[in-house]
PDB file of N, CA and C in Angstrom:
ATOM      1  N   MET A   1     199.411  83.242  39.997  1.00  0.00           N
ATOM      2  CA  MET A   1     199.643  82.238  38.976  1.00  0.00           C
ATOM      3  C   MET A   1     199.909  80.873  39.616  1.00  0.00           C
ATOM      4  N   LYS A   2     200.811  80.878  40.621  1.00  0.00           N
ATOM      5  CA  LYS A   2     201.128  79.638  41.306  1.00  0.00           C
ATOM      6  C   LYS A   2     199.897  79.060  41.994  1.00  0.00           C
ATOM      7  N   ALA A   3     199.099  79.923  42.597  1.00  0.00           N
ATOM      8  CA  ALA A   3     197.905  79.476  43.313  1.00  0.00           C
ATOM      9  C   ALA A   3     196.908  78.844  42.349  1.00  0.00           C
ATOM     10  N   SER A   4     196.745  79.426  41.158  1.00  0.00           N
ATOM     11  CA  SER A   4     195.790  78.856  40.201  1.00  0.00           C
ATOM     12  C   SER A   4     196.267  77.495  39.688  1.00  0.00           C
ATOM     13  N   ILE A   5     197.561  77.321  39.530  1.00  0.00           N
ATOM     14  CA  ILE A   5     198.096  76.021  39.108  1.00  0.00           C
ATOM     15  C   ILE A   5     197.855  74.977  40.202  1.00  0.00           C
ATOM     16  N   ILE A   6     198.080  75.379  41.448  1.00  0.00           N
ATOM     17  CA  ILE A   6     197.841  74.456  42.566  1.00  0.00           C
ATOM     18  C   ILE A   6     196.368  74.076  42.630  1.00  0.00           C
ATOM     19  N   TRP A   7     195.473  75.072  42.498  1.00  0.00           N
ATOM     20  CA  TRP A   7     194.031  74.785  42.523  1.00  0.00           C
ATOM     21  C   TRP A   7     193.631  73.884  41.352  1.00  0.00           C
ATOM     22  N   MET A   8     194.205  74.126  40.203  1.00  0.00           N
ATOM     23  CA  MET A   8     193.909  73.299  39.024  1.00  0.00           C
ATOM     24  C   MET A   8     194.361  71.858  39.265  1.00  0.00           C
ATOM     25  N   ALA A   9     195.560  71.679  39.816  1.00  0.00           N
ATOM     26  CA  ALA A   9     196.072  70.341  40.107  1.00  0.00           C
ATOM     27  C   ALA A   9     195.197  69.638  41.137  1.00  0.00           C
ATOM     28  N   MET A  10     194.765  70.367  42.155  1.00  0.00           N
ATOM     29  CA  MET A  10     193.898  69.775  43.177  1.00  0.00           C
ATOM     30  C   MET A  10     192.550  69.375  42.583  1.00  0.00           C
ATOM     31  N   ALA A  11     192.026  70.178  41.674  1.00  0.00           N
ATOM     32  CA  ALA A  11     190.750  69.848  41.033  1.00  0.00           C
ATOM     33  C   ALA A  11     190.878  68.582  40.190  1.00  0.00           C
ATOM     34  N   VAL A  12     191.970  68.470  39.448  1.00  0.00           N
ATOM     35  CA  VAL A  12     192.190  67.276  38.626  1.00  0.00           C
ATOM     36  C   VAL A  12     192.318  66.039  39.520  1.00  0.00           C
ATOM     37  N   ILE A  13     193.063  66.154  40.600  1.00  0.00           N
ATOM     38  CA  ILE A  13     193.218  65.027  41.527  1.00  0.00           C
ATOM     39  C   ILE A  13     191.873  64.649  42.136  1.00  0.00           C
ATOM     40  N   ALA A  14     191.098  65.637  42.541  1.00  0.00           N
ATOM     41  CA  ALA A  14     189.792  65.364  43.151  1.00  0.00           C
ATOM     42  C   ALA A  14     188.858  64.683  42.162  1.00  0.00           C
ATOM     43  N   LEU A  15     188.849  65.149  40.921  1.00  0.00           N
ATOM     44  CA  LEU A  15     187.979  64.532  39.917  1.00  0.00           C
ATOM     45  C   LEU A  15     188.423  63.107  39.603  1.00  0.00           C
ATOM     46  N   THR A  16     189.715  62.898  39.545  1.00  0.00           N
ATOM     47  CA  THR A  16     190.232  61.557  39.275  1.00  0.00           C
ATOM     48  C   THR A  16     189.918  60.618  40.436  1.00  0.00           C
ATOM     49  N   TRP A  17     190.103  61.097  41.645  1.00  0.00           N
ATOM     50  CA  TRP A  17     189.898  60.287  42.835  1.00  0.00           C
ATOM     51  C   TRP A  17     188.436  59.890  43.013  1.00  0.00           C
ATOM     52  N   THR A  18     187.518  60.788  42.678  1.00  0.00           N
ATOM     53  CA  THR A  18     186.090  60.538  42.906  1.00  0.00           C
ATOM     54  C   THR A  18     185.368  60.060  41.656  1.00  0.00           C
ATOM     55  N   SER A  19     186.116  59.713  40.617  1.00  0.00           N
ATOM     56  CA  SER A  19     185.453  59.251  39.395  1.00  0.00           C
ATOM     57  C   SER A  19     184.727  57.941  39.660  1.00  0.00           C
ATOM     58  N   CYS A  20     183.832  57.591  38.781  1.00  0.00           N
ATOM     59  CA  CYS A  20     183.006  56.394  38.953  1.00  0.00           C
ATOM     60  C   CYS A  20     183.860  55.139  39.045  1.00  0.00           C
ATOM     61  N   ASP A  21     183.427  54.246  39.904  1.00  0.00           N
ATOM     62  CA  ASP A  21     184.078  52.952  40.044  1.00  0.00           C
ATOM     63  C   ASP A  21     183.638  52.089  38.874  1.00  0.00           C
ATOM     64  N   LYS A  22     184.586  51.647  38.049  1.00  0.00           N
ATOM     65  CA  LYS A  22     184.236  50.849  36.879  1.00  0.00           C
ATOM     66  C   LYS A  22     183.774  49.473  37.318  1.00  0.00           C
ATOM     67  N   GLU A  23     182.647  49.077  36.789  1.00  0.00           N
ATOM     68  CA  GLU A  23     182.095  47.765  37.095  1.00  0.00           C
ATOM     69  C   GLU A  23     182.882  46.695  36.347  1.00  0.00           C
ATOM     70  N   GLU A  24     183.320  45.674  37.075  1.00  0.00           N
ATOM     71  CA  GLU A  24     184.040  44.556  36.468  1.00  0.00           C
ATOM     72  C   GLU A  24     183.035  43.533  35.947  1.00  0.00           C
ATOM     73  N   ASP A  25     183.494  42.659  35.058  1.00  0.00           N
ATOM     74  CA  ASP A  25     182.617  41.636  34.490  1.00  0.00           C
ATOM     75  C   ASP A  25     182.276  40.569  35.526  1.00  0.00           C
ATOM     76  N   THR A  26     181.061  40.049  35.422  1.00  0.00           N
ATOM     77  CA  THR A  26     180.592  38.941  36.262  1.00  0.00           C
ATOM     78  C   THR A  26     180.514  37.716  35.362  1.00  0.00           C
ATOM     79  N   ILE A  27     181.459  36.804  35.525  1.00  0.00           N
ATOM     80  CA  ILE A  27     181.635  35.678  34.607  1.00  0.00           C
ATOM     81  C   ILE A  27     181.491  34.346  35.351  1.00  0.00           C
ATOM     82  N   ALA A  28     180.855  33.390  34.686  1.00  0.00           N
ATOM     83  CA  ALA A  28     180.846  31.997  35.154  1.00  0.00           C
ATOM     84  C   ALA A  28     181.615  31.186  34.124  1.00  0.00           C
ATOM     85  N   LEU A  29     182.681  30.532  34.568  1.00  0.00           N
ATOM     86  CA  LEU A  29     183.496  29.708  33.689  1.00  0.00           C
ATOM     87  C   LEU A  29     183.341  28.260  34.151  1.00  0.00           C
ATOM     88  N   ILE A  30     182.730  27.452  33.302  1.00  0.00           N
ATOM     89  CA  ILE A  30     182.509  26.047  33.617  1.00  0.00           C
ATOM     90  C   ILE A  30     183.484  25.220  32.788  1.00  0.00           C
ATOM     91  N   ARG A  31     184.264  24.391  33.464  1.00  0.00           N
ATOM     92  CA  ARG A  31     185.260  23.548  32.798  1.00  0.00           C
ATOM     93  C   ARG A  31     184.804  22.097  32.941  1.00  0.00           C
ATOM     94  N   ILE A  32     184.754  21.385  31.823  1.00  0.00           N
ATOM     95  CA  ILE A  32     184.343  19.983  31.820  1.00  0.00           C
ATOM     96  C   ILE A  32     185.538  19.127  31.413  1.00  0.00           C
ATOM     97  N   VAL A  33     185.873  18.154  32.272  1.00  0.00           N
ATOM     98  CA  VAL A  33     186.977  17.237  31.996  1.00  0.00           C
ATOM     99  C   VAL A  33     186.481  15.800  32.181  1.00  0.00           C
ATOM    100  N   ASP A  34     187.248  14.845  31.633  1.00  0.00           N
ATOM    101  CA  ASP A  34     186.907  13.437  31.881  1.00  0.00           C
ATOM    102  C   ASP A  34     187.640  12.972  33.140  1.00  0.00           C
ATOM    103  N   VAL A  35     187.520  11.705  33.476  1.00  0.00           N
ATOM    104  CA  VAL A  35     188.122  11.186  34.713  1.00  0.00           C
ATOM    105  C   VAL A  35     189.646  11.286  34.722  1.00  0.00           C
ATOM    106  N   ASP A  36     190.259  11.409  33.545  1.00  0.00           N
ATOM    107  CA  ASP A  36     191.711  11.569  33.454  1.00  0.00           C
ATOM    108  C   ASP A  36     192.131  13.037  33.431  1.00  0.00           C
ATOM    109  N   GLY A  37     191.158  13.952  33.553  1.00  0.00           N
ATOM    110  CA  GLY A  37     191.461  15.381  33.552  1.00  0.00           C
ATOM    111  C   GLY A  37     191.588  15.986  32.171  1.00  0.00           C
ATOM    112  N   ILE A  38     191.213  15.243  31.137  1.00  0.00           N
ATOM    113  CA  ILE A  38     191.312  15.740  29.763  1.00  0.00           C
ATOM    114  C   ILE A  38     190.078  16.590  29.449  1.00  0.00           C
ATOM    115  N   PRO A  39     190.286  17.832  28.966  1.00  0.00           N
ATOM    116  CA  PRO A  39     189.153  18.703  28.638  1.00  0.00           C
ATOM    117  C   PRO A  39     188.235  18.066  27.596  1.00  0.00           C
ATOM    118  N   GLN A  40     186.939  18.255  27.777  1.00  0.00           N
ATOM    119  CA  GLN A  40     185.943  17.676  26.880  1.00  0.00           C
ATOM    120  C   GLN A  40     185.301  18.768  26.025  1.00  0.00           C
ATOM    121  N   GLU A  41     185.414  18.612  24.727  1.00  0.00           N
ATOM    122  CA  GLU A  41     184.889  19.583  23.764  1.00  0.00           C
ATOM    123  C   GLU A  41     183.463  19.205  23.363  1.00  0.00           C
ATOM    124  N   GLN A  42     182.685  20.214  23.012  1.00  0.00           N
ATOM    125  CA  GLN A  42     181.309  20.055  22.515  1.00  0.00           C
ATOM    126  C   GLN A  42     180.350  19.431  23.536  1.00  0.00           C
ATOM    127  N   VAL A  43     180.590  19.705  24.815  1.00  0.00           N
ATOM    128  CA  VAL A  43     179.665  19.294  25.871  1.00  0.00           C
ATOM    129  C   VAL A  43     178.650  20.423  26.029  1.00  0.00           C
ATOM    130  N   LEU A  44     177.375  20.100  26.055  1.00  0.00           N
ATOM    131  CA  LEU A  44     176.340  21.111  26.253  1.00  0.00           C
ATOM    132  C   LEU A  44     176.250  21.424  27.745  1.00  0.00           C
ATOM    133  N   VAL A  45     176.549  22.680  28.097  1.00  0.00           N
ATOM    134  CA  VAL A  45     176.506  23.125  29.487  1.00  0.00           C
ATOM    135  C   VAL A  45     175.299  24.042  29.646  1.00  0.00           C
ATOM    136  N   ARG A  46     174.485  23.723  30.646  1.00  0.00           N
ATOM    137  CA  ARG A  46     173.269  24.499  30.905  1.00  0.00           C
ATOM    138  C   ARG A  46     173.327  25.022  32.334  1.00  0.00           C
ATOM    139  N   LEU A  47     173.108  26.330  32.497  1.00  0.00           N
ATOM    140  CA  LEU A  47     173.016  26.950  33.817  1.00  0.00           C
ATOM    141  C   LEU A  47     171.584  27.421  33.998  1.00  0.00           C
ATOM    142  N   TYR A  48     171.025  27.150  35.165  1.00  0.00           N
ATOM    143  CA  TYR A  48     169.635  27.552  35.411  1.00  0.00           C
ATOM    144  C   TYR A  48     169.404  27.716  36.912  1.00  0.00           C
ATOM    145  N   PRO A  49     168.500  28.641  37.284  1.00  0.00           N
ATOM    146  CA  PRO A  49     168.193  28.823  38.705  1.00  0.00           C
ATOM    147  C   PRO A  49     167.298  27.699  39.209  1.00  0.00           C
ATOM    148  N   GLU A  50     167.375  27.433  40.486  1.00  0.00           N
ATOM    149  CA  GLU A  50     166.498  26.438  41.117  1.00  0.00           C
ATOM    150  C   GLU A  50     165.081  27.009  41.141  1.00  0.00           C
ATOM    151  N   PRO A  51     164.120  26.294  40.573  1.00  0.00           N
ATOM    152  CA  PRO A  51     162.752  26.818  40.598  1.00  0.00           C
ATOM    153  C   PRO A  51     162.204  26.834  42.026  1.00  0.00           C
ATOM    154  N   THR A  52     161.705  27.995  42.437  1.00  0.00           N
ATOM    155  CA  THR A  52     161.106  28.149  43.763  1.00  0.00           C
ATOM    156  C   THR A  52     159.853  28.988  43.637  1.00  0.00           C
ATOM    157  N   GLU A  53     159.046  29.008  44.701  1.00  0.00           N
ATOM    158  CA  GLU A  53     157.851  29.854  44.688  1.00  0.00           C
ATOM    159  C   GLU A  53     158.245  31.320  44.648  1.00  0.00           C
ATOM    160  N   VAL A  54     159.252  31.686  45.429  1.00  0.00           N
ATOM    161  CA  VAL A  54     159.767  33.054  45.419  1.00  0.00           C
ATOM    162  C   VAL A  54     161.028  33.031  44.576  1.00  0.00           C
ATOM    163  N   GLN A  55     160.928  33.523  43.368  1.00  0.00           N
ATOM    164  CA  GLN A  55     162.048  33.456  42.433  1.00  0.00           C
ATOM    165  C   GLN A  55     163.046  34.566  42.742  1.00  0.00           C
ATOM    166  N   THR A  56     164.246  34.200  43.224  1.00  0.00           N
ATOM    167  CA  THR A  56     165.262  35.197  43.551  1.00  0.00           C
ATOM    168  C   THR A  56     166.079  35.598  42.330  1.00  0.00           C
ATOM    169  N   ASN A  57     166.096  34.759  41.322  1.00  0.00           N
ATOM    170  CA  ASN A  57     166.876  35.045  40.113  1.00  0.00           C
ATOM    171  C   ASN A  57     165.940  35.312  38.937  1.00  0.00           C
ATOM    172  N   GLU A  58     164.964  36.183  39.141  1.00  0.00           N
ATOM    173  CA  GLU A  58     163.970  36.415  38.101  1.00  0.00           C
ATOM    174  C   GLU A  58     164.586  36.854  36.783  1.00  0.00           C
ATOM    175  N   LEU A  59     165.696  37.567  36.857  1.00  0.00           N
ATOM    176  CA  LEU A  59     166.296  38.087  35.633  1.00  0.00           C
ATOM    177  C   LEU A  59     167.112  37.042  34.885  1.00  0.00           C
ATOM    178  N   ILE A  60     167.546  35.999  35.573  1.00  0.00           N
ATOM    179  CA  ILE A  60     168.396  35.003  34.940  1.00  0.00           C
ATOM    180  C   ILE A  60     167.561  33.797  34.563  1.00  0.00           C
ATOM    181  N   ASP A  61     167.390  33.614  33.289  1.00  0.00           N
ATOM    182  CA  ASP A  61     166.713  32.430  32.793  1.00  0.00           C
ATOM    183  C   ASP A  61     167.765  31.362  32.532  1.00  0.00           C
ATOM    184  N   GLU A  62     167.332  30.268  31.991  1.00  0.00           N
ATOM    185  CA  GLU A  62     168.249  29.202  31.600  1.00  0.00           C
ATOM    186  C   GLU A  62     169.149  29.703  30.469  1.00  0.00           C
ATOM    187  N   VAL A  63     170.441  29.430  30.589  1.00  0.00           N
ATOM    188  CA  VAL A  63     171.396  29.753  29.522  1.00  0.00           C
ATOM    189  C   VAL A  63     172.196  28.494  29.232  1.00  0.00           C
ATOM    190  N   GLU A  64     172.597  28.333  27.986  1.00  0.00           N
ATOM    191  CA  GLU A  64     173.378  27.149  27.630  1.00  0.00           C
ATOM    192  C   GLU A  64     174.329  27.457  26.490  1.00  0.00           C
ATOM    193  N   GLN A  65     175.406  26.703  26.460  1.00  0.00           N
ATOM    194  CA  GLN A  65     176.352  26.770  25.350  1.00  0.00           C
ATOM    195  C   GLN A  65     177.254  25.544  25.389  1.00  0.00           C
ATOM    196  N   PHE A  66     177.967  25.321  24.292  1.00  0.00           N
ATOM    197  CA  PHE A  66     178.864  24.175  24.184  1.00  0.00           C
ATOM    198  C   PHE A  66     180.264  24.556  24.650  1.00  0.00           C
ATOM    199  N   THR A  67     180.982  23.577  25.197  1.00  0.00           N
ATOM    200  CA  THR A  67     182.363  23.820  25.598  1.00  0.00           C
ATOM    201  C   THR A  67     183.246  23.936  24.358  1.00  0.00           C
ATOM    202  N   ASP A  68     184.329  24.687  24.511  1.00  0.00           N
ATOM    203  CA  ASP A  68     185.283  24.856  23.414  1.00  0.00           C
ATOM    204  C   ASP A  68     186.359  23.763  23.499  1.00  0.00           C
ATOM    205  N   ALA A  69     187.414  23.908  22.716  1.00  0.00           N
ATOM    206  CA  ALA A  69     188.480  22.898  22.662  1.00  0.00           C
ATOM    207  C   ALA A  69     189.196  22.730  24.002  1.00  0.00           C
ATOM    208  N   SER A  70     189.155  23.766  24.842  1.00  0.00           N
ATOM    209  CA  SER A  70     189.793  23.664  26.161  1.00  0.00           C
ATOM    210  C   SER A  70     188.822  23.159  27.225  1.00  0.00           C
ATOM    211  N   GLY A  71     187.636  22.712  26.795  1.00  0.00           N
ATOM    212  CA  GLY A  71     186.651  22.166  27.722  1.00  0.00           C
ATOM    213  C   GLY A  71     185.914  23.211  28.532  1.00  0.00           C
ATOM    214  N   GLU A  72     185.956  24.466  28.080  1.00  0.00           N
ATOM    215  CA  GLU A  72     185.359  25.556  28.848  1.00  0.00           C
ATOM    216  C   GLU A  72     184.142  26.159  28.159  1.00  0.00           C
ATOM    217  N   ALA A  73     183.155  26.486  28.978  1.00  0.00           N
ATOM    218  CA  ALA A  73     181.998  27.261  28.538  1.00  0.00           C
ATOM    219  C   ALA A  73     181.978  28.510  29.415  1.00  0.00           C
ATOM    220  N   VAL A  74     181.940  29.678  28.790  1.00  0.00           N
ATOM    221  CA  VAL A  74     182.020  30.939  29.517  1.00  0.00           C
ATOM    222  C   VAL A  74     180.699  31.682  29.368  1.00  0.00           C
ATOM    223  N   PHE A  75     180.131  32.063  30.509  1.00  0.00           N
ATOM    224  CA  PHE A  75     178.867  32.786  30.542  1.00  0.00           C
ATOM    225  C   PHE A  75     179.103  34.148  31.181  1.00  0.00           C
ATOM    226  N   ASP A  76     178.646  35.211  30.530  1.00  0.00           N
ATOM    227  CA  ASP A  76     178.822  36.571  31.037  1.00  0.00           C
ATOM    228  C   ASP A  76     177.491  37.062  31.600  1.00  0.00           C
ATOM    229  N   PHE A  77     177.452  37.295  32.918  1.00  0.00           N
ATOM    230  CA  PHE A  77     176.242  37.765  33.588  1.00  0.00           C
ATOM    231  C   PHE A  77     176.340  39.240  33.972  1.00  0.00           C
ATOM    232  N   SER A  78     177.272  39.972  33.374  1.00  0.00           N
ATOM    233  CA  SER A  78     177.497  41.370  33.730  1.00  0.00           C
ATOM    234  C   SER A  78     176.248  42.221  33.571  1.00  0.00           C
ATOM    235  N   GLU A  79     175.459  41.960  32.555  1.00  0.00           N
ATOM    236  CA  GLU A  79     174.268  42.781  32.311  1.00  0.00           C
ATOM    237  C   GLU A  79     173.204  42.596  33.387  1.00  0.00           C
ATOM    238  N   TYR A  80     173.280  41.523  34.156  1.00  0.00           N
ATOM    239  CA  TYR A  80     172.286  41.259  35.196  1.00  0.00           C
ATOM    240  C   TYR A  80     172.664  41.865  36.544  1.00  0.00           C
ATOM    241  N   TYR A  81     173.921  42.232  36.711  1.00  0.00           N
ATOM    242  CA  TYR A  81     174.402  42.733  38.000  1.00  0.00           C
ATOM    243  C   TYR A  81     174.287  44.246  38.073  1.00  0.00           C
ATOM    244  N   GLU A  82     173.821  44.734  39.229  1.00  0.00           N
ATOM    245  CA  GLU A  82     173.769  46.166  39.495  1.00  0.00           C
ATOM    246  C   GLU A  82     174.687  46.446  40.671  1.00  0.00           C
ATOM    247  N   GLN A  83     175.554  47.466  40.534  1.00  0.00           N
ATOM    248  CA  GLN A  83     176.491  47.784  41.609  1.00  0.00           C
ATOM    249  C   GLN A  83     175.736  48.062  42.895  1.00  0.00           C
ATOM    250  N   GLY A  84     176.297  47.582  43.988  1.00  0.00           N
ATOM    251  CA  GLY A  84     175.668  47.758  45.288  1.00  0.00           C
ATOM    252  C   GLY A  84     174.754  46.608  45.658  1.00  0.00           C
ATOM    253  N   GLN A  85     174.470  45.752  44.704  1.00  0.00           N
ATOM    254  CA  GLN A  85     173.598  44.600  44.931  1.00  0.00           C
ATOM    255  C   GLN A  85     174.292  43.630  45.891  1.00  0.00           C
ATOM    256  N   ALA A  86     173.568  43.162  46.893  1.00  0.00           N
ATOM    257  CA  ALA A  86     174.131  42.208  47.855  1.00  0.00           C
ATOM    258  C   ALA A  86     173.940  40.797  47.327  1.00  0.00           C
ATOM    259  N   GLY A  87     175.032  40.135  46.993  1.00  0.00           N
ATOM    260  CA  GLY A  87     174.938  38.780  46.447  1.00  0.00           C
ATOM    261  C   GLY A  87     174.504  38.801  45.005  1.00  0.00           C
ATOM    262  N   PHE A  88     174.527  37.653  44.386  1.00  0.00           N
ATOM    263  CA  PHE A  88     174.126  37.621  42.986  1.00  0.00           C
ATOM    264  C   PHE A  88     173.269  36.412  42.683  1.00  0.00           C
ATOM    265  N   ALA A  89     173.870  35.236  42.543  1.00  0.00           N
ATOM    266  CA  ALA A  89     173.065  34.072  42.165  1.00  0.00           C
ATOM    267  C   ALA A  89     173.773  32.770  42.508  1.00  0.00           C
ATOM    268  N   VAL A  90     172.969  31.754  42.737  1.00  0.00           N
ATOM    269  CA  VAL A  90     173.443  30.380  42.824  1.00  0.00           C
ATOM    270  C   VAL A  90     172.694  29.631  41.737  1.00  0.00           C
ATOM    271  N   LEU A  91     173.443  29.031  40.817  1.00  0.00           N
ATOM    272  CA  LEU A  91     172.827  28.377  39.667  1.00  0.00           C
ATOM    273  C   LEU A  91     173.186  26.897  39.619  1.00  0.00           C
ATOM    274  N   ASN A  92     172.256  26.121  39.118  1.00  0.00           N
ATOM    275  CA  ASN A  92     172.497  24.699  38.865  1.00  0.00           C
ATOM    276  C   ASN A  92     173.266  24.567  37.559  1.00  0.00           C
ATOM    277  N   ILE A  93     174.120  23.561  37.492  1.00  0.00           N
ATOM    278  CA  ILE A  93     174.869  23.252  36.273  1.00  0.00           C
ATOM    279  C   ILE A  93     174.451  21.860  35.814  1.00  0.00           C
ATOM    280  N   GLU A  94     174.202  21.747  34.529  1.00  0.00           N
ATOM    281  CA  GLU A  94     173.950  20.439  33.927  1.00  0.00           C
ATOM    282  C   GLU A  94     174.784  20.372  32.656  1.00  0.00           C
ATOM    283  N   ALA A  95     175.621  19.346  32.544  1.00  0.00           N
ATOM    284  CA  ALA A  95     176.473  19.180  31.366  1.00  0.00           C
ATOM    285  C   ALA A  95     176.213  17.807  30.764  1.00  0.00           C
ATOM    286  N   THR A  96     175.947  17.781  29.452  1.00  0.00           N
ATOM    287  CA  THR A  96     175.646  16.511  28.785  1.00  0.00           C
ATOM    288  C   THR A  96     176.456  16.363  27.502  1.00  0.00           C
ATOM    289  N   LEU A  97     176.875  15.126  27.266  1.00  0.00           N
ATOM    290  CA  LEU A  97     177.556  14.751  26.033  1.00  0.00           C
ATOM    291  C   LEU A  97     177.085  13.341  25.708  1.00  0.00           C
ATOM    292  N   ASP A  98     176.381  13.210  24.598  1.00  0.00           N
ATOM    293  CA  ASP A  98     175.783  11.928  24.215  1.00  0.00           C
ATOM    294  C   ASP A  98     174.905  11.419  25.366  1.00  0.00           C
ATOM    295  N   THR A  99     175.260  10.278  25.953  1.00  0.00           N
ATOM    296  CA  THR A  99     174.442   9.729  27.041  1.00  0.00           C
ATOM    297  C   THR A  99     175.034  10.009  28.419  1.00  0.00           C
ATOM    298  N   SER A 100     176.146  10.732  28.469  1.00  0.00           N
ATOM    299  CA  SER A 100     176.777  11.068  29.753  1.00  0.00           C
ATOM    300  C   SER A 100     176.250  12.402  30.260  1.00  0.00           C
ATOM    301  N   MET A 101     176.071  12.498  31.584  1.00  0.00           N
ATOM    302  CA  MET A 101     175.602  13.745  32.179  1.00  0.00           C
ATOM    303  C   MET A 101     176.238  13.921  33.555  1.00  0.00           C
ATOM    304  N   VAL A 102     176.525  15.174  33.897  1.00  0.00           N
ATOM    305  CA  VAL A 102     177.024  15.515  35.227  1.00  0.00           C
ATOM    306  C   VAL A 102     176.308  16.787  35.670  1.00  0.00           C
ATOM    307  N   GLU A 103     176.058  16.886  36.977  1.00  0.00           N
ATOM    308  CA  GLU A 103     175.381  18.055  37.529  1.00  0.00           C
ATOM    309  C   GLU A 103     176.230  18.668  38.629  1.00  0.00           C
ATOM    310  N   GLY A 104     176.010  19.942  38.862  1.00  0.00           N
ATOM    311  CA  GLY A 104     176.714  20.647  39.921  1.00  0.00           C
ATOM    312  C   GLY A 104     176.016  21.949  40.227  1.00  0.00           C
ATOM    313  N   ILE A 105     176.656  22.744  41.069  1.00  0.00           N
ATOM    314  CA  ILE A 105     176.125  24.047  41.467  1.00  0.00           C
ATOM    315  C   ILE A 105     177.279  25.037  41.431  1.00  0.00           C
ATOM    316  N   ILE A 106     176.978  26.272  41.043  1.00  0.00           N
ATOM    317  CA  ILE A 106     177.983  27.328  41.081  1.00  0.00           C
ATOM    318  C   ILE A 106     177.383  28.564  41.738  1.00  0.00           C
ATOM    319  N   LYS A 107     178.139  29.128  42.660  1.00  0.00           N
ATOM    320  CA  LYS A 107     177.746  30.389  43.289  1.00  0.00           C
ATOM    321  C   LYS A 107     178.409  31.503  42.494  1.00  0.00           C
ATOM    322  N   ILE A 108     177.603  32.391  41.962  1.00  0.00           N
ATOM    323  CA  ILE A 108     178.117  33.491  41.149  1.00  0.00           C
ATOM    324  C   ILE A 108     178.321  34.711  42.040  1.00  0.00           C
ATOM    325  N   GLU A 109     179.569  35.095  42.225  1.00  0.00           N
ATOM    326  CA  GLU A 109     179.905  36.316  42.954  1.00  0.00           C
ATOM    327  C   GLU A 109     180.033  37.439  41.932  1.00  0.00           C
ATOM    328  N   PRO A 110     179.539  38.629  42.249  1.00  0.00           N
ATOM    329  CA  PRO A 110     179.586  39.728  41.286  1.00  0.00           C
ATOM    330  C   PRO A 110     181.005  40.236  41.035  1.00  0.00           C
ATOM    331  N   GLU A 111     181.202  40.726  39.821  1.00  0.00           N
ATOM    332  CA  GLU A 111     182.423  41.402  39.395  1.00  0.00           C
ATOM    333  C   GLU A 111     183.681  40.547  39.558  1.00  0.00           C
ATOM    334  N   THR A 112     183.560  39.260  39.235  1.00  0.00           N
ATOM    335  CA  THR A 112     184.713  38.363  39.287  1.00  0.00           C
ATOM    336  C   THR A 112     184.489  37.196  38.328  1.00  0.00           C
ATOM    337  N   ILE A 113     185.523  36.408  38.122  1.00  0.00           N
ATOM    338  CA  ILE A 113     185.392  35.188  37.319  1.00  0.00           C
ATOM    339  C   ILE A 113     185.169  34.036  38.291  1.00  0.00           C
ATOM    340  N   ASN A 114     184.009  33.416  38.190  1.00  0.00           N
ATOM    341  CA  ASN A 114     183.619  32.300  39.050  1.00  0.00           C
ATOM    342  C   ASN A 114     183.851  31.015  38.275  1.00  0.00           C
ATOM    343  N   GLU A 115     184.674  30.107  38.810  1.00  0.00           N
ATOM    344  CA  GLU A 115     185.040  28.890  38.086  1.00  0.00           C
ATOM    345  C   GLU A 115     184.524  27.643  38.790  1.00  0.00           C
ATOM    346  N   GLU A 116     184.107  26.684  37.995  1.00  0.00           N
ATOM    347  CA  GLU A 116     183.686  25.380  38.510  1.00  0.00           C
ATOM    348  C   GLU A 116     184.125  24.326  37.505  1.00  0.00           C
ATOM    349  N   THR A 117     184.711  23.246  38.000  1.00  0.00           N
ATOM    350  CA  THR A 117     185.135  22.139  37.147  1.00  0.00           C
ATOM    351  C   THR A 117     184.300  20.914  37.484  1.00  0.00           C
ATOM    352  N   LEU A 118     183.736  20.292  36.449  1.00  0.00           N
ATOM    353  CA  LEU A 118     182.943  19.080  36.619  1.00  0.00           C
ATOM    354  C   LEU A 118     183.602  17.938  35.853  1.00  0.00           C
ATOM    355  N   ILE A 119     183.492  16.733  36.405  1.00  0.00           N
ATOM    356  CA  ILE A 119     184.070  15.546  35.770  1.00  0.00           C
ATOM    357  C   ILE A 119     182.955  14.757  35.108  1.00  0.00           C
ATOM    358  N   LEU A 120     183.042  14.638  33.792  1.00  0.00           N
ATOM    359  CA  LEU A 120     182.051  13.905  33.008  1.00  0.00           C
ATOM    360  C   LEU A 120     182.516  12.463  32.875  1.00  0.00           C
ATOM    361  N   GLN A 121     181.681  11.527  33.323  1.00  0.00           N
ATOM    362  CA  GLN A 121     182.061  10.110  33.277  1.00  0.00           C
ATOM    363  C   GLN A 121     181.278   9.373  32.229  1.00  0.00           C
TER     364      GLN A 121
END
């Protein structure tokens, strides 16, 4: 009886220990502020790969959205990432509000929140 309980406990521990590694979200968080550091709402933020002959980001097309009241636009790239993949993406950032525009670059690391702050003048 004692031996079967020990074997059962060891089996549960082994199954728990070797269970699948849960994939974390791959997020790009772009924050847009003015020169005084005040968050800018309703700025159109566009992320896109650099066009090249050999397209390394074939799965990621241009994505865009507006910033919220905290000046943030959040992009979820989790569906594009496959576990074990070496590296992920480097994307261009373009943010526009009326006639103002700012550009930047963000390196997207898998399974983490990648943040970039741009100053719109």
